[in-house]
Amino acid sequence: MDEDTRYEAVRSRDARFDGEFFFGVATTGIYCRPSCPAVTPKRRNVRFFATAAAAQGSGFRACRRCRPDAVPGSAEWNARADVVGRAMRLIGDGVVDREGVAGLAVRLGYSARQVQRQLTAELGAGPVALARAQRAHTARVLVQTTDLPITDVAFAAGFASVRQFNDTIRAVYASTPSELRTAKAPHAPKAPAKGTGPSAGIPLRLAHRGPYQSAAVFDLLAHEAVPGIEEIVGTPGRRTYRRTLRLPYGTGIAAVDERPGALKAASPAHPGGWLDARLHLTDHRDLTTAVQRLRRLFDLDADPYAVDERLGADPRLAPLVAARPGLRSPGAADPEELAVRALVGTAEAERLVRRYGKTLDAPSGGLTHLFPEPSALVEAAPGTPLAALATALTDGTVRLDAGADRDDAGQALLALPGMDAATVAVIRTRALGDPDVAPPRVDVPDAWRPWRSYAVQHLELVQRLRTAGELESK
């Protein structure tokens, strides 16, 4: 999009572009999302930015009305397989906070200077600034949805000192942390009642753009659920998906609620939507990572307008897209877990959980374990494809983290004994979030690029519904 087109999106308050770009207003020093309900500024006063970090780096503060830091992430970072896309996924997973820019560069296979140069040239902000913007958002969520002391919030959000935390919050939100806590964002999820403390969990709204077919996603998760680490409770339309999470600093339990129905189009009144969630973490420093992993699992940063426009132009898919606009291609909360499950199946995955999974210190409902780490499975079945995969994941021969090169990972997986192309296609689609996978023996023409993974979701959903109908008729 050129700047004139972006300004038209701002003038029409087009929520389809929330998170795809941001705009700053020179006369106010504030930056916003495109759908901000405030009076549209004059064109000469507007500056455009690819990221919130770039706007903050240019001296703009976050708008208090539209909360630009709370928008869905850009779908571009999920689709792109180049170093910038991989870097953005890793930064979202909290790698810079945990390992620094040097650690990010090592994972990408570039020097720190090259990573800095490429990100700054394309996004207007380097990895430190991008991570800082993310820390500020995490801090705001903790300040406004928990009773954690402000000092604890600072370190939980990833700041190195309370002074750095205070300076960042003032620069980004033009408020002190105490003022943020007093002035809750409009329509924010309700904080736990006074006295419940952090053990009550962190309520969140996981935003998405455009329509979202939650029933299809929850049906798939229910069909695949592995007892002990996952469960679905409630009735269709009102279900809650719960699962355990292994995180860098500790463990977590996530609960995400189904929201029935789908928005037919974006408008100022209906800019998109969200899924209500709650996170219980043993260490609040894991908040950013846990949120990003849930977003990948539920495919919340997708651009349904781009996907549906391309697939809806095909006569074979047009009626399917019209029936279910915004159908998503779910990912994985734990890529290595997904790879093991894709290889062995649900029944064997349940056995592995019972035999090798780590028991939670405090089980919750049907959630009792963490899925076993690859290192724990190396000796589970010596000489089998499972042992080969577990070994490759443990020694780094196969990398499935947020910044992994999808082609390299696919080739490394195919080189493992017992690994076939169909299983690799599942792992690429789910664990690596590849939006353009064509499974073997499935008619997926090149005309559906770059969204063939979404086309497969439409075809598989129809097949599941057909099979369910046949079973009911019998």
Protein backbone atom coordinates (compact mmCIF):
# COMPACT_ATOMS: atom_id res chain seq x y z
CA MET A 1 0.00 0.00 0.00
CA ASP A 2 1.23 3.49 -0.79
CA GLU A 3 0.68 6.31 1.69
CA ASP A 4 -2.36 7.71 -0.11
CA THR A 5 -4.06 4.32 0.09
CA ARG A 6 -3.17 4.07 3.75
CA TYR A 7 -4.65 7.47 4.40
CA GLU A 8 -7.90 6.37 2.72
CA ALA A 9 -7.97 3.39 5.11
CA VAL A 10 -7.54 5.81 8.03
CA ARG A 11 -10.17 8.21 6.68
CA SER A 12 -12.69 5.35 6.36
CA ARG A 13 -11.61 3.84 9.73
CA ASP A 14 -11.03 0.52 7.99
CA ALA A 15 -10.40 -2.05 10.71
CA ARG A 16 -9.14 -4.59 8.17
CA PHE A 17 -5.76 -2.87 8.41
CA ASP A 18 -5.47 -2.74 12.21
CA GLY A 19 -2.04 -4.11 13.01
CA GLU A 20 -0.92 -3.99 9.38
CA PHE A 21 0.29 -0.42 9.83
CA PHE A 22 0.04 2.48 12.30
CA PHE A 23 -0.20 6.21 11.84
CA GLY A 24 1.12 9.08 13.93
CA VAL A 25 -0.31 12.60 14.10
CA ALA A 26 2.39 15.26 14.21
CA THR A 27 0.18 17.88 15.87
CA THR A 28 -0.74 15.66 18.83
CA GLY A 29 2.27 13.37 19.13
CA ILE A 30 -0.06 10.34 19.26
CA TYR A 31 -0.07 7.19 17.13
CA CYS A 32 -3.18 5.11 16.37
CA ARG A 33 -4.54 2.08 14.60
CA PRO A 34 -6.35 2.75 11.25
CA SER A 35 -9.81 2.23 12.77
CA CYS A 36 -9.34 4.80 15.55
CA PRO A 37 -12.69 6.55 16.16
CA ALA A 38 -11.09 9.96 16.75
CA VAL A 39 -11.51 12.80 14.25
CA THR A 40 -9.47 12.03 11.13
CA PRO A 41 -6.33 14.20 11.07
CA LYS A 42 -5.34 16.21 8.03
CA ARG A 43 -3.18 14.36 5.55
CA ARG A 44 -0.23 16.70 5.94
CA ASN A 45 -0.04 15.90 9.66
CA VAL A 46 -0.01 12.11 9.28
CA ARG A 47 3.03 9.81 9.28
CA PHE A 48 2.83 6.08 8.66
CA PHE A 49 4.73 3.28 10.39
CA ALA A 50 5.08 -0.46 9.82
CA THR A 51 5.18 -1.21 13.54
CA ALA A 52 4.20 0.32 16.86
CA ALA A 53 7.89 0.26 17.80
CA ALA A 54 8.74 2.50 14.85
CA ALA A 55 6.06 5.00 15.92
CA GLN A 56 7.35 4.97 19.49
CA GLY A 57 10.91 5.40 18.25
CA SER A 58 9.82 8.54 16.42
CA GLY A 59 8.46 10.03 19.64
CA PHE A 60 4.75 9.20 19.33
CA ARG A 61 2.63 8.03 22.28
CA ALA A 62 -0.04 5.32 22.12
CA CYS A 63 -3.61 6.57 21.69
CA ARG A 64 -5.76 6.00 24.77
CA ARG A 65 -8.94 5.58 22.74
CA CYS A 66 -7.99 2.93 20.18
CA ARG A 67 -5.17 1.18 22.12
CA PRO A 68 -2.98 0.50 19.06
CA ASP A 69 -0.77 -1.88 21.04
CA ALA A 70 -3.70 -4.30 21.48
CA VAL A 71 -4.42 -4.97 17.78
CA PRO A 72 -3.86 -8.34 16.07
CA GLY A 73 -0.34 -8.85 14.81
CA SER A 74 0.41 -8.32 11.14
CA ALA A 75 -0.42 -11.39 9.07
CA GLU A 76 2.71 -10.63 7.05
CA TRP A 77 4.99 -11.98 9.78
CA ASN A 78 3.22 -15.34 9.78
CA ALA A 79 3.26 -15.66 6.00
CA ARG A 80 6.78 -14.51 5.27
CA ALA A 81 9.61 -17.03 5.38
CA ASP A 82 12.48 -14.54 5.00
CA VAL A 83 14.76 -13.32 7.79
CA VAL A 84 12.50 -10.38 8.72
CA GLY A 85 9.43 -12.60 9.09
CA ARG A 86 11.40 -15.18 11.09
CA ALA A 87 12.87 -12.45 13.29
CA MET A 88 9.45 -10.98 14.04
CA ARG A 89 8.11 -14.39 15.07
CA LEU A 90 11.09 -14.94 17.37
CA ILE A 91 10.78 -11.48 18.92
CA GLY A 92 7.09 -12.18 19.50
CA ASP A 93 8.09 -15.38 21.30
CA GLY A 94 10.27 -13.34 23.67
CA VAL A 95 13.70 -14.42 22.38
CA VAL A 96 15.24 -10.94 22.61
CA ASP A 97 14.11 -10.58 26.23
CA ARG A 98 15.61 -13.95 27.14
CA GLU A 99 18.70 -14.16 24.91
CA GLY A 100 19.35 -10.65 23.66
CA VAL A 101 19.98 -9.55 20.09
CA ALA A 102 22.99 -11.88 19.93
CA GLY A 103 20.75 -14.86 20.70
CA LEU A 104 18.25 -13.74 18.07
CA ALA A 105 21.02 -13.46 15.48
CA VAL A 106 22.37 -16.93 16.26
CA ARG A 107 18.93 -18.47 15.79
CA LEU A 108 18.56 -16.70 12.44
CA GLY A 109 22.07 -17.57 11.24
CA TYR A 110 23.04 -13.93 10.70
CA SER A 111 25.28 -11.49 12.53
CA ALA A 112 23.68 -9.11 15.02
CA ARG A 113 24.62 -6.19 12.76
CA GLN A 114 22.90 -7.78 9.75
CA VAL A 115 19.72 -8.42 11.75
CA GLN A 116 19.72 -4.86 13.07
CA ARG A 117 20.23 -3.42 9.59
CA GLN A 118 17.51 -5.50 7.90
CA LEU A 119 14.87 -4.86 10.54
CA THR A 120 15.61 -1.14 10.74
CA ALA A 121 15.58 -0.74 6.96
CA GLU A 122 12.24 -2.48 6.50
CA LEU A 123 10.38 -1.75 9.73
CA GLY A 124 11.90 1.48 11.00
CA ALA A 125 12.92 -0.19 14.27
CA GLY A 126 15.57 -2.65 15.36
CA PRO A 127 15.10 -5.76 17.51
CA VAL A 128 15.64 -3.93 20.81
CA ALA A 129 12.96 -1.34 19.99
CA LEU A 130 10.54 -4.03 18.80
CA ALA A 131 11.06 -6.02 22.00
CA ARG A 132 10.68 -2.84 24.08
CA ALA A 133 7.28 -2.14 22.49
CA GLN A 134 6.21 -5.68 23.27
CA ARG A 135 7.37 -5.36 26.88
CA ALA A 136 5.35 -2.18 27.25
CA HIS A 137 2.20 -3.95 26.07
CA THR A 138 2.83 -6.90 28.42
CA ALA A 139 3.34 -4.47 31.30
CA ARG A 140 0.07 -2.68 30.55
CA VAL A 141 -1.83 -5.98 30.54
CA LEU A 142 -0.32 -6.97 33.90
CA VAL A 143 -0.92 -3.53 35.42
CA GLN A 144 -4.56 -3.44 34.37
CA THR A 145 -5.60 -7.08 34.88
CA THR A 146 -3.73 -8.24 37.98
CA ASP A 147 -3.04 -7.04 41.52
CA LEU A 148 0.69 -7.69 41.16
CA PRO A 149 2.84 -5.00 42.78
CA ILE A 150 4.22 -2.54 40.23
CA THR A 151 7.78 -3.67 40.92
CA ASP A 152 6.83 -7.29 40.17
CA VAL A 153 5.13 -6.16 36.95
CA ALA A 154 8.32 -4.47 35.78
CA PHE A 155 10.42 -7.62 36.00
CA ALA A 156 7.63 -9.94 34.86
CA ALA A 157 7.27 -7.87 31.68
CA GLY A 158 10.98 -8.29 30.94
CA PHE A 159 12.40 -4.93 32.00
CA ALA A 160 15.90 -4.90 33.46
CA SER A 161 15.06 -2.31 36.10
CA VAL A 162 12.13 -0.45 37.59
CA ARG A 163 13.55 2.82 36.28
CA GLN A 164 13.64 1.47 32.72
CA PHE A 165 10.07 0.24 33.18
CA ASN A 166 8.82 3.61 34.45
CA ASP A 167 10.58 5.53 31.67
CA THR A 168 9.13 3.25 28.99
CA ILE A 169 5.57 3.43 30.31
CA ARG A 170 5.74 7.25 30.45
CA ALA A 171 7.14 7.42 26.90
CA VAL A 172 4.64 4.96 25.37
CA TYR A 173 1.46 5.79 27.30
CA ALA A 174 2.14 9.29 28.67
CA SER A 175 1.15 7.91 32.09
CA THR A 176 2.82 6.48 35.14
CA PRO A 177 2.21 2.80 35.92
CA SER A 178 -0.01 3.84 38.85
CA GLU A 179 -2.11 6.05 36.56
CA LEU A 180 -2.47 3.15 34.11
CA ARG A 181 -3.76 0.95 36.90
CA THR A 182 -6.31 3.56 37.92
CA ALA A 183 -7.47 4.31 34.36
CA LYS A 184 -8.51 0.93 32.98
CA ALA A 185 -8.89 0.64 29.23
CA PRO A 186 -12.51 0.75 28.00
CA HIS A 187 -13.94 -2.73 27.35
CA ALA A 188 -10.84 -4.34 28.86
CA PRO A 189 -11.29 -7.79 30.41
CA LYS A 190 -12.32 -7.55 34.05
CA ALA A 191 -9.47 -7.90 36.53
CA PRO A 192 -9.72 -10.48 39.30
CA ALA A 193 -11.62 -9.39 42.36
CA LYS A 194 -9.56 -7.72 45.07
CA GLY A 195 -7.90 -10.30 47.23
CA THR A 196 -7.84 -13.09 44.65
CA GLY A 197 -4.24 -12.23 43.76
CA PRO A 198 -2.23 -13.50 40.82
CA SER A 199 -3.37 -17.08 41.42
CA ALA A 200 -6.73 -16.10 39.89
CA GLY A 201 -5.02 -15.94 36.53
CA ILE A 202 -4.64 -13.19 33.98
CA PRO A 203 -7.76 -12.40 31.92
CA LEU A 204 -7.05 -11.52 28.30
CA ARG A 205 -8.82 -10.69 25.09
CA LEU A 206 -6.98 -12.22 22.14
CA ALA A 207 -7.89 -9.93 19.25
CA HIS A 208 -8.37 -11.03 15.65
CA ARG A 209 -9.33 -9.19 12.49
CA GLY A 210 -12.44 -9.91 10.49
CA PRO A 211 -14.68 -12.98 10.73
CA TYR A 212 -13.54 -15.98 12.75
CA GLN A 213 -15.05 -19.45 12.50
CA SER A 214 -14.53 -20.47 16.11
CA ALA A 215 -16.73 -23.59 15.90
CA ALA A 216 -14.49 -25.20 13.29
CA VAL A 217 -11.35 -24.52 15.34
CA PHE A 218 -12.86 -25.84 18.56
CA ASP A 219 -14.23 -28.91 16.76
CA LEU A 220 -10.74 -29.71 15.49
CA LEU A 221 -9.13 -29.18 18.89
CA ALA A 222 -11.77 -31.37 20.54
CA HIS A 223 -11.20 -34.12 17.97
CA GLU A 224 -7.42 -34.05 18.53
CA ALA A 225 -7.35 -33.46 22.32
CA VAL A 226 -4.87 -35.59 24.26
CA PRO A 227 -6.19 -36.34 27.79
CA GLY A 228 -3.96 -35.08 30.56
CA ILE A 229 -2.64 -32.07 28.66
CA GLU A 230 -5.83 -30.85 26.94
CA GLU A 231 -9.55 -30.80 27.54
CA ILE A 232 -12.68 -29.22 26.08
CA VAL A 233 -15.47 -28.40 28.52
CA GLY A 234 -18.92 -26.99 27.85
CA THR A 235 -21.46 -27.39 25.05
CA PRO A 236 -20.94 -26.43 21.38
CA GLY A 237 -21.05 -22.69 21.03
CA ARG A 238 -20.03 -22.20 24.67
CA ARG A 239 -16.98 -24.42 24.94
CA THR A 240 -13.70 -23.70 26.70
CA TYR A 241 -10.44 -25.19 25.49
CA ARG A 242 -7.92 -25.76 28.28
CA ARG A 243 -4.35 -26.97 28.02
CA THR A 244 -1.02 -27.06 29.81
CA LEU A 245 1.97 -25.11 28.53
CA ARG A 246 5.70 -25.63 28.96
CA LEU A 247 7.25 -22.16 28.95
CA PRO A 248 10.80 -20.75 29.22
CA TYR A 249 10.57 -19.79 32.90
CA GLY A 250 7.92 -22.16 34.20
CA THR A 251 4.60 -23.77 33.31
CA GLY A 252 1.13 -22.49 32.56
CA ILE A 253 -2.49 -23.44 32.10
CA ALA A 254 -4.42 -21.63 29.39
CA ALA A 255 -8.19 -21.47 28.98
CA VAL A 256 -9.73 -20.02 25.79
CA ASP A 257 -13.47 -19.54 25.30
CA GLU A 258 -15.38 -20.17 22.11
CA ARG A 259 -17.27 -17.18 20.73
CA PRO A 260 -20.22 -18.31 18.59
CA GLY A 261 -20.93 -16.68 15.26
CA ALA A 262 -18.70 -14.83 12.83
CA LEU A 263 -18.63 -11.20 11.81
CA LYS A 264 -19.56 -10.89 8.18
CA ALA A 265 -17.50 -7.77 7.52
CA ALA A 266 -15.37 -5.24 9.31
CA SER A 267 -16.79 -1.83 10.10
CA PRO A 268 -16.32 0.82 12.78
CA ALA A 269 -19.06 -0.94 14.76
CA HIS A 270 -17.60 -4.42 14.18
CA PRO A 271 -13.85 -4.04 13.65
CA GLY A 272 -13.11 -7.68 14.27
CA GLY A 273 -13.41 -9.56 17.49
CA TRP A 274 -11.56 -11.49 20.15
CA LEU A 275 -11.41 -14.73 22.06
CA ASP A 276 -11.63 -14.46 25.83
CA ALA A 277 -8.76 -16.25 27.57
CA ARG A 278 -7.24 -16.71 31.00
CA LEU A 279 -3.66 -17.66 31.79
CA HIS A 280 -2.39 -19.20 35.02
CA LEU A 281 1.41 -18.92 35.06
CA THR A 282 3.96 -20.07 37.60
CA ASP A 283 6.19 -17.21 36.41
CA HIS A 284 4.68 -14.02 34.98
CA ARG A 285 7.71 -13.44 32.78
CA ASP A 286 6.16 -16.07 30.51
CA LEU A 287 3.10 -13.94 29.69
CA THR A 288 4.31 -12.65 26.32
CA THR A 289 5.45 -16.07 25.17
CA ALA A 290 2.24 -17.78 26.31
CA VAL A 291 0.07 -15.22 24.52
CA GLN A 292 2.01 -15.57 21.27
CA ARG A 293 1.75 -19.35 21.39
CA LEU A 294 -2.01 -19.17 21.87
CA ARG A 295 -2.25 -16.73 18.99
CA ARG A 296 -0.40 -19.18 16.75
CA LEU A 297 -2.54 -22.10 17.93
CA PHE A 298 -5.77 -20.25 17.10
CA ASP A 299 -4.32 -18.49 14.02
CA LEU A 300 -5.42 -15.10 15.32
CA ASP A 301 -3.03 -12.97 13.26
CA ALA A 302 -4.32 -14.20 9.91
CA ASP A 303 -5.75 -11.84 7.29
CA PRO A 304 -9.09 -13.50 6.41
CA TYR A 305 -9.85 -10.88 3.79
CA ALA A 306 -6.78 -11.73 1.71
CA VAL A 307 -7.33 -15.46 2.14
CA ASP A 308 -11.03 -15.40 1.28
CA GLU A 309 -10.52 -13.08 -1.69
CA ARG A 310 -8.03 -15.45 -3.32
CA LEU A 311 -9.77 -18.73 -2.51
CA GLY A 312 -13.26 -17.34 -3.14
CA ALA A 313 -12.30 -16.57 -6.74
CA ASP A 314 -12.02 -20.31 -7.48
CA PRO A 315 -15.31 -21.97 -8.54
CA ARG A 316 -14.52 -25.10 -6.54
CA LEU A 317 -13.91 -23.22 -3.29
CA ALA A 318 -16.26 -20.24 -3.72
CA PRO A 319 -19.31 -21.88 -2.05
CA LEU A 320 -17.15 -23.17 0.82
CA VAL A 321 -15.64 -19.74 1.46
CA ALA A 322 -19.05 -18.08 1.27
CA ALA A 323 -20.43 -20.55 3.81
CA ARG A 324 -17.54 -20.10 6.25
CA PRO A 325 -15.79 -16.75 5.83
CA GLY A 326 -12.74 -16.39 8.02
CA LEU A 327 -11.99 -20.12 8.37
CA ARG A 328 -8.59 -20.42 10.04
CA SER A 329 -5.66 -22.81 9.74
CA PRO A 330 -4.83 -23.68 13.37
CA GLY A 331 -1.20 -23.89 14.44
CA ALA A 332 0.39 -25.32 17.57
CA ALA A 333 1.06 -24.14 21.10
CA ASP A 334 4.15 -26.38 21.25
CA PRO A 335 5.71 -27.17 17.82
CA GLU A 336 7.81 -30.11 19.07
CA GLU A 337 4.79 -31.65 20.77
CA LEU A 338 2.81 -31.27 17.55
CA ALA A 339 5.52 -33.03 15.55
CA VAL A 340 5.49 -36.02 17.90
CA ARG A 341 1.69 -36.18 17.86
CA ALA A 342 1.58 -35.97 14.06
CA LEU A 343 3.95 -38.94 13.89
CA VAL A 344 2.44 -41.26 16.52
CA GLY A 345 -1.27 -40.32 16.65
CA THR A 346 -3.54 -39.34 19.52
CA ALA A 347 -3.79 -42.71 21.29
CA GLU A 348 -0.01 -43.19 21.46
CA ALA A 349 0.45 -39.54 22.45
CA GLU A 350 -1.82 -40.16 25.44
CA ARG A 351 0.29 -43.16 26.47
CA LEU A 352 3.47 -41.08 26.17
CA VAL A 353 1.94 -38.39 28.37
CA ARG A 354 1.07 -40.90 31.09
CA ARG A 355 4.44 -42.66 30.89
CA TYR A 356 6.91 -39.81 30.26
CA GLY A 357 5.06 -36.54 30.86
CA LYS A 358 5.89 -34.37 33.84
CA THR A 359 3.12 -34.27 36.44
CA LEU A 360 1.86 -30.79 37.31
CA ASP A 361 2.55 -29.61 40.83
CA ALA A 362 -1.09 -28.50 41.01
CA PRO A 363 -3.37 -30.46 38.62
CA SER A 364 -6.40 -28.55 37.37
CA GLY A 365 -9.51 -30.45 36.36
CA GLY A 366 -8.51 -32.94 33.68
CA LEU A 367 -5.13 -31.27 33.19
CA THR A 368 -2.52 -33.30 35.01
CA HIS A 369 0.67 -33.35 32.92
CA LEU A 370 2.96 -31.50 30.58
CA PHE A 371 3.69 -33.20 27.27
CA PRO A 372 7.08 -34.96 27.54
CA GLU A 373 10.09 -33.09 26.22
CA PRO A 374 11.86 -34.66 23.20
CA SER A 375 14.86 -35.55 25.39
CA ALA A 376 12.58 -37.67 27.57
CA LEU A 377 11.40 -39.63 24.51
CA VAL A 378 14.79 -40.52 23.04
CA GLU A 379 14.83 -43.84 24.89
CA ALA A 380 11.06 -44.36 24.81
CA ALA A 381 11.19 -46.70 21.79
CA PRO A 382 14.78 -47.26 20.61
CA GLY A 383 15.21 -47.81 16.90
CA THR A 384 11.78 -46.42 16.01
CA PRO A 385 10.78 -43.32 14.02
CA LEU A 386 9.72 -41.72 17.32
CA ALA A 387 13.23 -42.14 18.75
CA ALA A 388 14.74 -40.71 15.56
CA LEU A 389 12.47 -37.65 15.67
CA ALA A 390 13.05 -37.12 19.41
CA THR A 391 16.81 -37.31 18.90
CA ALA A 392 16.72 -34.84 16.00
CA LEU A 393 14.64 -32.38 18.01
CA THR A 394 16.94 -32.75 21.02
CA ASP A 395 20.25 -32.26 19.17
CA GLY A 396 18.94 -29.49 16.90
CA THR A 397 19.06 -31.45 13.64
CA VAL A 398 15.40 -30.47 13.28
CA ARG A 399 14.36 -26.98 14.44
CA LEU A 400 10.70 -26.11 14.80
CA ASP A 401 10.87 -22.89 16.86
CA ALA A 402 9.15 -19.69 15.80
CA GLY A 403 12.13 -18.59 13.69
CA ALA A 404 12.89 -21.90 12.00
CA ASP A 405 13.44 -21.94 8.25
CA ARG A 406 10.45 -23.89 6.96
CA ASP A 407 12.18 -25.40 3.95
CA ASP A 408 15.22 -26.49 5.96
CA ALA A 409 12.97 -28.02 8.61
CA GLY A 410 10.93 -29.86 5.98
CA GLN A 411 14.03 -31.36 4.37
CA ALA A 412 15.47 -32.37 7.75
CA LEU A 413 12.20 -34.08 8.68
CA LEU A 414 12.00 -36.00 5.40
CA ALA A 415 15.52 -37.32 6.02
CA LEU A 416 14.39 -39.04 9.23
CA PRO A 417 13.48 -42.76 9.12
CA GLY A 418 9.76 -43.44 9.07
CA MET A 419 8.82 -39.86 8.23
CA ASP A 420 6.62 -39.53 5.12
CA ALA A 421 5.57 -36.50 3.08
CA ALA A 422 2.03 -36.44 4.50
CA THR A 423 3.29 -36.22 8.09
CA VAL A 424 5.80 -33.52 7.13
CA ALA A 425 2.97 -31.55 5.50
CA VAL A 426 1.00 -31.66 8.76
CA ILE A 427 4.05 -30.51 10.74
CA ARG A 428 4.75 -27.66 8.31
CA THR A 429 1.14 -26.51 8.43
CA ARG A 430 0.62 -26.78 12.17
CA ALA A 431 3.99 -26.62 13.95
CA LEU A 432 5.62 -24.12 11.57
CA GLY A 433 2.48 -22.17 10.69
CA ASP A 434 3.14 -22.41 6.95
CA PRO A 435 0.11 -20.90 5.16
CA ASP A 436 0.90 -22.51 1.80
CA VAL A 437 1.27 -26.28 2.21
CA ALA A 438 0.02 -28.75 -0.40
CA PRO A 439 -0.25 -32.25 1.14
CA PRO A 440 0.57 -35.21 -1.11
CA ARG A 441 -2.32 -36.87 -2.95
CA VAL A 442 -4.55 -33.83 -2.41
CA ASP A 443 -5.66 -31.76 -5.40
CA VAL A 444 -4.40 -28.32 -4.38
CA PRO A 445 -3.64 -26.24 -7.50
CA ASP A 446 -1.05 -23.46 -7.63
CA ALA A 447 -3.88 -20.97 -8.25
CA TRP A 448 -4.64 -21.20 -4.53
CA ARG A 449 -1.18 -19.93 -3.56
CA PRO A 450 -0.14 -18.51 -1.12
CA TRP A 451 -3.06 -19.83 0.97
CA ARG A 452 -3.18 -23.53 0.14
CA SER A 453 -3.14 -24.53 3.85
CA TYR A 454 -6.43 -22.64 4.25
CA ALA A 455 -7.88 -24.29 1.16
CA VAL A 456 -7.04 -27.68 2.66
CA GLN A 457 -8.86 -26.66 5.85
CA HIS A 458 -12.01 -25.98 3.80
CA LEU A 459 -11.75 -29.33 2.02
CA GLU A 460 -11.03 -31.30 5.21
CA LEU A 461 -13.85 -29.59 7.10
CA VAL A 462 -16.33 -30.61 4.41
CA GLN A 463 -15.02 -34.16 4.59
CA ARG A 464 -15.35 -34.25 8.39
CA LEU A 465 -18.91 -32.93 8.22
CA ARG A 466 -19.77 -35.45 5.51
CA THR A 467 -18.31 -38.30 7.56
CA ALA A 468 -20.16 -37.16 10.68
CA GLY A 469 -23.40 -37.00 8.69
CA GLU A 470 -22.87 -40.53 7.39
CA LEU A 471 -22.26 -41.81 10.92
CA GLU A 472 -25.41 -40.11 12.20
CA SER A 473 -27.48 -41.55 9.36
CA LYS A 474 -26.28 -45.04 10.28
